Amino acid sequence: MSRIANSFALARSSWHVLKADKELILLPIISGIASIIIAATFIVPIFLTGQGGATVGGSSLLVLLLMYFVLAYITIFFNAALVSAANERLEGGDPTIGSAIRGAARRAGKIVPWALLSATVSVILRAIEERVGLIGQLIVGALGLAWSVLTFLVLPIIVIEGSGAGAAFKKSGSLLRSTWGENLAAQVGMGLVGFLLILPGVAVIILGISAGGTIAAVALLIGVIWIIIAAASVAALSAIYQTALYHFAVAGSVPSGYFDQNAMQMAFRRRRR
């Protein structure tokens, strides 16, 4: 099985899990709504007080950095809720929105340092990227991808094991050092799945705008709704796959009948020493 084909197979397996708990798609949507509201509470006062000009003052910069951290925490918290729900389903339970949020809430304190570290790394990489040329941007992009791969299992370790951010980071790196295969290809495959799912929504918007009038407004509404649902679905699929991969990395199998063990073997093959 080729790498791309294997990635799609894993995405299909994740989809089977999601079909059993379709309501989990609401979690990324709730996260998005919460992020918009929180961002507005930070940004609007800055502009109302006249500090939102081209040059951002020191106090405004601190507010924006605080906003960035809070938004990172919200995103990671709801991703943790998805991981909790996926873990409950894979272990034979029947998760709900409530049980997913409660699962994340139990690790709320442990998520804080991880959100702070993630936000800090993101800010540093973005700041460097804005100050270097094309080659530098490619290098920064590679560093960002390496960070994503290295920390891919951090959240499941925090949520499922209750480990702190530091211990989870070390274990995630350890698991990736002792196992290898198509983890990276699978992540890229998930991105490709997301791109393909979003395309119809973009096409509807473009065609609607070309038609003009009432059709444009209706097409815009339909397209935006489609894109939101598609993006939420991909976020849920990624969390499900992430959780399944954690189980396979730790125990060598996934505790459910949703994932083909041979596909998982291909995705996270043990490294020969």
C-alpha atoms as a PDB file:
ATOM      1  CA  MET A   1       0.000   0.000   0.000  1.00  0.00           C
ATOM      2  CA  SER A   2       1.488   3.354  -0.990  1.00  0.00           C
ATOM      3  CA  ARG A   3       1.904   6.125   1.557  1.00  0.00           C
ATOM      4  CA  ILE A   4      -0.915   8.280   0.186  1.00  0.00           C
ATOM      5  CA  ALA A   5      -3.246   5.277  -0.158  1.00  0.00           C
ATOM      6  CA  ASN A   6      -2.437   4.269   3.401  1.00  0.00           C
ATOM      7  CA  SER A   7      -3.176   7.796   4.603  1.00  0.00           C
ATOM      8  CA  PHE A   8      -6.607   7.682   2.994  1.00  0.00           C
ATOM      9  CA  ALA A   9      -7.222   4.250   4.544  1.00  0.00           C
ATOM     10  CA  LEU A  10      -6.483   5.661   7.992  1.00  0.00           C
ATOM     11  CA  ALA A  11      -8.723   8.646   7.261  1.00  0.00           C
ATOM     12  CA  ARG A  12     -11.534   6.243   6.323  1.00  0.00           C
ATOM     13  CA  SER A  13     -11.037   4.335   9.571  1.00  0.00           C
ATOM     14  CA  SER A  14     -11.201   7.600  11.502  1.00  0.00           C
ATOM     15  CA  TRP A  15     -14.360   8.465   9.571  1.00  0.00           C
ATOM     16  CA  HIS A  16     -16.002   5.215  10.719  1.00  0.00           C
ATOM     17  CA  VAL A  17     -15.356   6.275  14.311  1.00  0.00           C
ATOM     18  CA  LEU A  18     -16.707   9.767  13.646  1.00  0.00           C
ATOM     19  CA  LYS A  19     -19.867   8.353  12.059  1.00  0.00           C
ATOM     20  CA  ALA A  20     -20.623   6.653  15.362  1.00  0.00           C
ATOM     21  CA  ASP A  21     -20.391  10.024  17.148  1.00  0.00           C
ATOM     22  CA  LYS A  22     -21.317  12.679  14.585  1.00  0.00           C
ATOM     23  CA  GLU A  23     -22.035  15.207  17.317  1.00  0.00           C
ATOM     24  CA  LEU A  24     -18.291  15.491  17.963  1.00  0.00           C
ATOM     25  CA  ILE A  25     -18.106  17.753  14.908  1.00  0.00           C
ATOM     26  CA  LEU A  26     -19.720  20.384  17.132  1.00  0.00           C
ATOM     27  CA  LEU A  27     -16.625  20.608  19.352  1.00  0.00           C
ATOM     28  CA  PRO A  28     -14.384  22.353  16.767  1.00  0.00           C
ATOM     29  CA  ILE A  29     -17.315  24.611  15.864  1.00  0.00           C
ATOM     30  CA  ILE A  30     -17.801  25.576  19.528  1.00  0.00           C
ATOM     31  CA  SER A  31     -14.051  26.154  19.743  1.00  0.00           C
ATOM     32  CA  GLY A  32     -14.185  28.459  16.730  1.00  0.00           C
ATOM     33  CA  ILE A  33     -17.121  30.452  18.109  1.00  0.00           C
ATOM     34  CA  ALA A  34     -15.439  30.786  21.501  1.00  0.00           C
ATOM     35  CA  SER A  35     -12.208  31.932  19.834  1.00  0.00           C
ATOM     36  CA  ILE A  36     -14.021  34.623  17.834  1.00  0.00           C
ATOM     37  CA  ILE A  37     -15.765  35.941  20.950  1.00  0.00           C
ATOM     38  CA  ILE A  38     -12.550  35.961  22.988  1.00  0.00           C
ATOM     39  CA  ALA A  39     -10.553  37.614  20.193  1.00  0.00           C
ATOM     40  CA  ALA A  40     -13.212  40.324  19.953  1.00  0.00           C
ATOM     41  CA  THR A  41     -13.032  41.001  23.701  1.00  0.00           C
ATOM     42  CA  PHE A  42      -9.295  41.645  23.338  1.00  0.00           C
ATOM     43  CA  ILE A  43      -9.145  43.456  19.991  1.00  0.00           C
ATOM     44  CA  VAL A  44     -12.201  45.734  20.158  1.00  0.00           C
ATOM     45  CA  PRO A  45     -11.042  47.622  23.300  1.00  0.00           C
ATOM     46  CA  ILE A  46      -7.632  48.237  21.686  1.00  0.00           C
ATOM     47  CA  PHE A  47      -9.255  49.982  18.720  1.00  0.00           C
ATOM     48  CA  LEU A  48     -11.804  51.813  20.864  1.00  0.00           C
ATOM     49  CA  THR A  49      -8.986  53.293  22.945  1.00  0.00           C
ATOM     50  CA  GLY A  50      -7.105  54.374  19.827  1.00  0.00           C
ATOM     51  CA  GLN A  51      -4.205  51.949  20.270  1.00  0.00           C
ATOM     52  CA  GLY A  52      -4.876  49.924  17.149  1.00  0.00           C
ATOM     53  CA  GLY A  53      -2.823  52.006  14.727  1.00  0.00           C
ATOM     54  CA  ALA A  54       0.011  50.886  12.507  1.00  0.00           C
ATOM     55  CA  THR A  55       2.413  50.969  15.461  1.00  0.00           C
ATOM     56  CA  VAL A  56       1.372  48.756  18.346  1.00  0.00           C
ATOM     57  CA  GLY A  57       2.331  50.082  21.780  1.00  0.00           C
ATOM     58  CA  GLY A  58       3.846  48.040  24.572  1.00  0.00           C
ATOM     59  CA  SER A  59       0.598  47.609  26.492  1.00  0.00           C
ATOM     60  CA  SER A  60      -1.290  46.627  23.341  1.00  0.00           C
ATOM     61  CA  LEU A  61       1.430  44.115  22.463  1.00  0.00           C
ATOM     62  CA  LEU A  62       1.092  42.497  25.880  1.00  0.00           C
ATOM     63  CA  VAL A  63      -2.673  42.315  25.409  1.00  0.00           C
ATOM     64  CA  LEU A  64      -2.237  40.701  21.986  1.00  0.00           C
ATOM     65  CA  LEU A  65       0.246  38.166  23.377  1.00  0.00           C
ATOM     66  CA  LEU A  66      -2.181  37.336  26.174  1.00  0.00           C
ATOM     67  CA  MET A  67      -4.939  36.954  23.589  1.00  0.00           C
ATOM     68  CA  TYR A  68      -2.731  34.617  21.559  1.00  0.00           C
ATOM     69  CA  PHE A  69      -2.143  32.423  24.601  1.00  0.00           C
ATOM     70  CA  VAL A  70      -5.845  32.333  25.532  1.00  0.00           C
ATOM     71  CA  LEU A  71      -6.782  31.407  21.960  1.00  0.00           C
ATOM     72  CA  ALA A  72      -4.129  28.677  21.965  1.00  0.00           C
ATOM     73  CA  TYR A  73      -5.542  27.349  25.228  1.00  0.00           C
ATOM     74  CA  ILE A  74      -9.109  27.314  23.871  1.00  0.00           C
ATOM     75  CA  THR A  75      -8.014  25.447  20.737  1.00  0.00           C
ATOM     76  CA  ILE A  76      -5.976  22.890  22.679  1.00  0.00           C
ATOM     77  CA  PHE A  77      -8.730  22.445  25.288  1.00  0.00           C
ATOM     78  CA  PHE A  78     -11.312  21.500  22.669  1.00  0.00           C
ATOM     79  CA  ASN A  79      -8.781  19.295  20.876  1.00  0.00           C
ATOM     80  CA  ALA A  80      -8.288  17.587  24.240  1.00  0.00           C
ATOM     81  CA  ALA A  81     -12.059  17.125  24.426  1.00  0.00           C
ATOM     82  CA  LEU A  82     -11.970  15.440  21.008  1.00  0.00           C
ATOM     83  CA  VAL A  83      -9.121  13.173  22.124  1.00  0.00           C
ATOM     84  CA  SER A  84     -11.049  12.274  25.289  1.00  0.00           C
ATOM     85  CA  ALA A  85     -14.154  11.433  23.253  1.00  0.00           C
ATOM     86  CA  ALA A  86     -12.173   9.424  20.707  1.00  0.00           C
ATOM     87  CA  ASN A  87     -10.479   7.480  23.495  1.00  0.00           C
ATOM     88  CA  GLU A  88     -13.840   6.752  25.106  1.00  0.00           C
ATOM     89  CA  ARG A  89     -15.218   5.430  21.797  1.00  0.00           C
ATOM     90  CA  LEU A  90     -12.122   3.350  21.010  1.00  0.00           C
ATOM     91  CA  GLU A  91     -12.339   1.751  24.454  1.00  0.00           C
ATOM     92  CA  GLY A  92     -15.959   0.761  23.894  1.00  0.00           C
ATOM     93  CA  GLY A  93     -17.778   3.708  25.447  1.00  0.00           C
ATOM     94  CA  ASP A  94     -20.378   6.043  23.992  1.00  0.00           C
ATOM     95  CA  PRO A  95     -19.042   9.610  24.268  1.00  0.00           C
ATOM     96  CA  THR A  96     -21.172  12.752  24.277  1.00  0.00           C
ATOM     97  CA  ILE A  97     -20.325  16.437  24.026  1.00  0.00           C
ATOM     98  CA  GLY A  98     -20.671  16.644  27.801  1.00  0.00           C
ATOM     99  CA  SER A  99     -18.399  13.685  28.529  1.00  0.00           C
ATOM    100  CA  ALA A 100     -15.821  15.013  26.055  1.00  0.00           C
ATOM    101  CA  ILE A 101     -15.701  18.440  27.707  1.00  0.00           C
ATOM    102  CA  ARG A 102     -15.573  16.862  31.168  1.00  0.00           C
ATOM    103  CA  GLY A 103     -12.656  14.722  30.040  1.00  0.00           C
ATOM    104  CA  ALA A 104     -10.758  17.815  28.910  1.00  0.00           C
ATOM    105  CA  ALA A 105     -11.749  19.729  32.051  1.00  0.00           C
ATOM    106  CA  ARG A 106     -10.105  17.045  34.197  1.00  0.00           C
ATOM    107  CA  ARG A 107      -6.797  17.974  32.529  1.00  0.00           C
ATOM    108  CA  ALA A 108      -7.479  21.726  32.360  1.00  0.00           C
ATOM    109  CA  GLY A 109      -4.557  22.609  34.617  1.00  0.00           C
ATOM    110  CA  LYS A 110      -2.122  20.319  32.793  1.00  0.00           C
ATOM    111  CA  ILE A 111      -3.124  21.864  29.462  1.00  0.00           C
ATOM    112  CA  VAL A 112      -2.038  25.364  30.590  1.00  0.00           C
ATOM    113  CA  PRO A 113       1.767  24.860  30.377  1.00  0.00           C
ATOM    114  CA  TRP A 114       1.401  22.969  27.107  1.00  0.00           C
ATOM    115  CA  ALA A 115      -0.696  25.787  25.618  1.00  0.00           C
ATOM    116  CA  LEU A 116       1.899  28.303  26.815  1.00  0.00           C
ATOM    117  CA  LEU A 117       4.766  26.330  25.266  1.00  0.00           C
ATOM    118  CA  SER A 118       2.883  25.753  21.997  1.00  0.00           C
ATOM    119  CA  ALA A 119       1.928  29.416  21.718  1.00  0.00           C
ATOM    120  CA  THR A 120       5.500  30.521  22.475  1.00  0.00           C
ATOM    121  CA  VAL A 121       7.011  28.244  19.825  1.00  0.00           C
ATOM    122  CA  SER A 122       4.406  29.392  17.306  1.00  0.00           C
ATOM    123  CA  VAL A 123       5.086  33.082  18.004  1.00  0.00           C
ATOM    124  CA  ILE A 124       8.859  32.588  17.737  1.00  0.00           C
ATOM    125  CA  LEU A 125       8.625  30.674  14.452  1.00  0.00           C
ATOM    126  CA  ARG A 126       6.229  33.244  12.997  1.00  0.00           C
ATOM    127  CA  ALA A 127       8.451  36.149  14.076  1.00  0.00           C
ATOM    128  CA  ILE A 128      11.495  34.522  12.456  1.00  0.00           C
ATOM    129  CA  GLU A 129       9.538  33.716   9.294  1.00  0.00           C
ATOM    130  CA  GLU A 130       8.565  37.377   8.856  1.00  0.00           C
ATOM    131  CA  ARG A 131      12.204  38.483   9.002  1.00  0.00           C
ATOM    132  CA  VAL A 132      13.928  36.033   6.658  1.00  0.00           C
ATOM    133  CA  GLY A 133      13.943  35.422   2.926  1.00  0.00           C
ATOM    134  CA  LEU A 134      12.477  32.538   0.964  1.00  0.00           C
ATOM    135  CA  ILE A 135      15.155  30.036   1.979  1.00  0.00           C
ATOM    136  CA  GLY A 136      14.765  31.045   5.599  1.00  0.00           C
ATOM    137  CA  GLN A 137      11.002  30.655   5.368  1.00  0.00           C
ATOM    138  CA  LEU A 138      11.457  27.140   3.988  1.00  0.00           C
ATOM    139  CA  ILE A 139      13.767  26.304   6.884  1.00  0.00           C
ATOM    140  CA  VAL A 140      11.300  27.734   9.410  1.00  0.00           C
ATOM    141  CA  GLY A 141       8.517  25.749   7.738  1.00  0.00           C
ATOM    142  CA  ALA A 142      10.589  22.582   8.081  1.00  0.00           C
ATOM    143  CA  LEU A 143      11.226  23.374  11.753  1.00  0.00           C
ATOM    144  CA  GLY A 144       7.497  23.896  12.295  1.00  0.00           C
ATOM    145  CA  LEU A 145       6.734  20.572  10.651  1.00  0.00           C
ATOM    146  CA  ALA A 146       9.388  18.826  12.751  1.00  0.00           C
ATOM    147  CA  TRP A 147       7.840  20.356  15.893  1.00  0.00           C
ATOM    148  CA  SER A 148       4.396  19.094  14.856  1.00  0.00           C
ATOM    149  CA  VAL A 149       5.723  15.575  14.306  1.00  0.00           C
ATOM    150  CA  LEU A 150       7.721  15.561  17.552  1.00  0.00           C
ATOM    151  CA  THR A 151       4.725  16.710  19.619  1.00  0.00           C
ATOM    152  CA  PHE A 152       2.047  14.766  17.751  1.00  0.00           C
ATOM    153  CA  LEU A 153       1.277  12.471  20.692  1.00  0.00           C
ATOM    154  CA  VAL A 154       1.622  15.032  23.493  1.00  0.00           C
ATOM    155  CA  LEU A 155      -2.093  15.772  23.837  1.00  0.00           C
ATOM    156  CA  PRO A 156      -3.238  12.115  23.992  1.00  0.00           C
ATOM    157  CA  ILE A 157      -0.561  11.474  26.639  1.00  0.00           C
ATOM    158  CA  ILE A 158      -1.797  14.426  28.714  1.00  0.00           C
ATOM    159  CA  VAL A 159      -5.477  13.521  28.329  1.00  0.00           C
ATOM    160  CA  ILE A 160      -5.293   9.732  28.640  1.00  0.00           C
ATOM    161  CA  GLU A 161      -2.408   9.316  31.093  1.00  0.00           C
ATOM    162  CA  GLY A 162      -2.772  12.565  33.009  1.00  0.00           C
ATOM    163  CA  SER A 163       0.906  13.393  32.511  1.00  0.00           C
ATOM    164  CA  GLY A 164       2.257  16.909  32.791  1.00  0.00           C
ATOM    165  CA  ALA A 165       3.350  18.842  29.715  1.00  0.00           C
ATOM    166  CA  GLY A 166       7.060  18.146  30.262  1.00  0.00           C
ATOM    167  CA  ALA A 167       6.633  14.405  30.756  1.00  0.00           C
ATOM    168  CA  ALA A 168       4.223  14.213  27.817  1.00  0.00           C
ATOM    169  CA  PHE A 169       6.687  16.041  25.573  1.00  0.00           C
ATOM    170  CA  LYS A 170       9.499  13.660  26.519  1.00  0.00           C
ATOM    171  CA  LYS A 171       7.330  10.576  26.013  1.00  0.00           C
ATOM    172  CA  SER A 172       6.046  11.801  22.655  1.00  0.00           C
ATOM    173  CA  GLY A 173       9.616  12.270  21.483  1.00  0.00           C
ATOM    174  CA  SER A 174      10.606   8.880  22.896  1.00  0.00           C
ATOM    175  CA  LEU A 175       7.757   7.115  21.105  1.00  0.00           C
ATOM    176  CA  LEU A 176       8.722   8.740  17.825  1.00  0.00           C
ATOM    177  CA  ARG A 177      12.361   7.740  18.303  1.00  0.00           C
ATOM    178  CA  SER A 178      11.452   4.115  18.947  1.00  0.00           C
ATOM    179  CA  THR A 179       8.855   3.914  16.183  1.00  0.00           C
ATOM    180  CA  TRP A 180       8.864   5.187  12.642  1.00  0.00           C
ATOM    181  CA  GLY A 181       7.022   4.788   9.353  1.00  0.00           C
ATOM    182  CA  GLU A 182       4.379   6.865   7.681  1.00  0.00           C
ATOM    183  CA  ASN A 183       3.302   9.121  10.520  1.00  0.00           C
ATOM    184  CA  LEU A 184       4.314  12.198   8.564  1.00  0.00           C
ATOM    185  CA  ALA A 185       2.627  10.959   5.388  1.00  0.00           C
ATOM    186  CA  ALA A 186      -0.551  10.302   7.356  1.00  0.00           C
ATOM    187  CA  GLN A 187      -0.572  13.861   8.687  1.00  0.00           C
ATOM    188  CA  VAL A 188      -0.079  15.221   5.180  1.00  0.00           C
ATOM    189  CA  GLY A 189      -2.823  12.870   4.012  1.00  0.00           C
ATOM    190  CA  MET A 190      -5.227  14.324   6.569  1.00  0.00           C
ATOM    191  CA  GLY A 191      -4.416  17.768   5.226  1.00  0.00           C
ATOM    192  CA  LEU A 192      -5.130  16.555   1.716  1.00  0.00           C
ATOM    193  CA  VAL A 193      -8.451  15.095   2.843  1.00  0.00           C
ATOM    194  CA  GLY A 194      -9.340  18.453   4.378  1.00  0.00           C
ATOM    195  CA  PHE A 195      -8.411  20.295   1.192  1.00  0.00           C
ATOM    196  CA  LEU A 196     -10.602  17.995  -0.905  1.00  0.00           C
ATOM    197  CA  LEU A 197     -13.532  18.345   1.503  1.00  0.00           C
ATOM    198  CA  ILE A 198     -13.342  22.147   1.473  1.00  0.00           C
ATOM    199  CA  LEU A 199     -13.071  22.456  -2.326  1.00  0.00           C
ATOM    200  CA  PRO A 200     -16.831  22.016  -3.039  1.00  0.00           C
ATOM    201  CA  GLY A 201     -17.663  24.847  -0.640  1.00  0.00           C
ATOM    202  CA  VAL A 202     -15.125  27.134  -2.313  1.00  0.00           C
ATOM    203  CA  ALA A 203     -16.494  26.177  -5.743  1.00  0.00           C
ATOM    204  CA  VAL A 204     -20.064  27.010  -4.671  1.00  0.00           C
ATOM    205  CA  ILE A 205     -18.957  30.441  -3.407  1.00  0.00           C
ATOM    206  CA  ILE A 206     -17.046  31.246  -6.609  1.00  0.00           C
ATOM    207  CA  LEU A 207     -19.907  30.141  -8.870  1.00  0.00           C
ATOM    208  CA  GLY A 208     -22.440  32.030  -6.763  1.00  0.00           C
ATOM    209  CA  ILE A 209     -20.438  35.269  -6.854  1.00  0.00           C
ATOM    210  CA  SER A 210     -20.117  34.889 -10.629  1.00  0.00           C
ATOM    211  CA  ALA A 211     -23.907  34.598 -10.910  1.00  0.00           C
ATOM    212  CA  GLY A 212     -24.478  37.669  -8.719  1.00  0.00           C
ATOM    213  CA  GLY A 213     -27.686  38.878  -7.079  1.00  0.00           C
ATOM    214  CA  THR A 214     -29.625  36.720  -4.651  1.00  0.00           C
ATOM    215  CA  ILE A 215     -27.859  33.609  -5.908  1.00  0.00           C
ATOM    216  CA  ALA A 216     -24.538  35.030  -4.709  1.00  0.00           C
ATOM    217  CA  ALA A 217     -25.866  35.563  -1.174  1.00  0.00           C
ATOM    218  CA  VAL A 218     -27.375  32.074  -1.002  1.00  0.00           C
ATOM    219  CA  ALA A 219     -24.243  30.479  -2.477  1.00  0.00           C
ATOM    220  CA  LEU A 220     -22.052  32.373  -0.011  1.00  0.00           C
ATOM    221  CA  LEU A 221     -24.128  31.118   2.919  1.00  0.00           C
ATOM    222  CA  ILE A 222     -24.122  27.521   1.659  1.00  0.00           C
ATOM    223  CA  GLY A 223     -20.409  27.622   0.858  1.00  0.00           C
ATOM    224  CA  VAL A 224     -19.420  29.039   4.240  1.00  0.00           C
ATOM    225  CA  ILE A 225     -21.542  26.468   6.090  1.00  0.00           C
ATOM    226  CA  TRP A 226     -19.981  23.685   3.989  1.00  0.00           C
ATOM    227  CA  ILE A 227     -16.441  24.915   4.710  1.00  0.00           C
ATOM    228  CA  ILE A 228     -17.135  25.179   8.454  1.00  0.00           C
ATOM    229  CA  ILE A 229     -18.534  21.639   8.603  1.00  0.00           C
ATOM    230  CA  ALA A 230     -15.667  20.299   6.471  1.00  0.00           C
ATOM    231  CA  ALA A 231     -13.019  21.985   8.636  1.00  0.00           C
ATOM    232  CA  ALA A 232     -14.703  20.731  11.823  1.00  0.00           C
ATOM    233  CA  SER A 233     -14.873  17.207  10.391  1.00  0.00           C
ATOM    234  CA  VAL A 234     -11.164  17.221   9.567  1.00  0.00           C
ATOM    235  CA  ALA A 235     -10.319  18.469  13.073  1.00  0.00           C
ATOM    236  CA  ALA A 236     -12.364  15.631  14.564  1.00  0.00           C
ATOM    237  CA  LEU A 237     -10.816  13.071  12.195  1.00  0.00           C
ATOM    238  CA  SER A 238      -7.310  14.247  13.098  1.00  0.00           C
ATOM    239  CA  ALA A 239      -8.006  13.904  16.831  1.00  0.00           C
ATOM    240  CA  ILE A 240      -9.415  10.406  16.325  1.00  0.00           C
ATOM    241  CA  TYR A 241      -6.399   9.340  14.286  1.00  0.00           C
ATOM    242  CA  GLN A 242      -4.051  10.951  16.827  1.00  0.00           C
ATOM    243  CA  THR A 243      -5.692   8.977  19.644  1.00  0.00           C
ATOM    244  CA  ALA A 244      -5.588   5.707  17.710  1.00  0.00           C
ATOM    245  CA  LEU A 245      -1.936   6.283  16.898  1.00  0.00           C
ATOM    246  CA  TYR A 246      -1.194   6.863  20.588  1.00  0.00           C
ATOM    247  CA  HIS A 247      -2.726   3.501  21.510  1.00  0.00           C
ATOM    248  CA  PHE A 248      -0.805   1.764  18.756  1.00  0.00           C
ATOM    249  CA  ALA A 249       2.477   3.406  19.758  1.00  0.00           C
ATOM    250  CA  VAL A 250       2.032   2.446  23.420  1.00  0.00           C
ATOM    251  CA  ALA A 251       0.381  -0.978  23.189  1.00  0.00           C
ATOM    252  CA  GLY A 252       0.988  -2.089  19.603  1.00  0.00           C
ATOM    253  CA  SER A 253      -2.742  -2.257  18.839  1.00  0.00           C
ATOM    254  CA  VAL A 254      -5.885  -0.132  18.816  1.00  0.00           C
ATOM    255  CA  PRO A 255      -8.631  -1.235  21.270  1.00  0.00           C
ATOM    256  CA  SER A 256     -11.481  -1.235  18.765  1.00  0.00           C
ATOM    257  CA  GLY A 257     -12.663  -2.828  15.549  1.00  0.00           C
ATOM    258  CA  TYR A 258     -12.645   0.467  13.662  1.00  0.00           C
ATOM    259  CA  PHE A 259      -8.972   0.495  12.633  1.00  0.00           C
ATOM    260  CA  ASP A 260      -7.278  -2.100  10.448  1.00  0.00           C
ATOM    261  CA  GLN A 261      -4.281  -3.240  12.511  1.00  0.00           C
ATOM    262  CA  ASN A 262      -2.282  -3.844   9.317  1.00  0.00           C
ATOM    263  CA  ALA A 263      -2.882  -0.237   8.246  1.00  0.00           C
ATOM    264  CA  MET A 264      -1.755   0.971  11.657  1.00  0.00           C
ATOM    265  CA  GLN A 265       1.315  -1.261  11.376  1.00  0.00           C
ATOM    266  CA  MET A 266       2.160   0.509   8.121  1.00  0.00           C
ATOM    267  CA  ALA A 267       1.482   3.931   9.609  1.00  0.00           C
ATOM    268  CA  PHE A 268       3.637   3.497  12.685  1.00  0.00           C
ATOM    269  CA  ARG A 269       6.023   0.690  11.954  1.00  0.00           C
ATOM    270  CA  ARG A 270       8.506  -0.401  14.611  1.00  0.00           C
ATOM    271  CA  ARG A 271      12.011   0.683  13.796  1.00  0.00           C
ATOM    272  CA  ARG A 272      14.557  -2.044  13.374  1.00  0.00           C
ATOM    273  CA  ARG A 273      17.549  -1.556  15.577  1.00  0.00           C
END
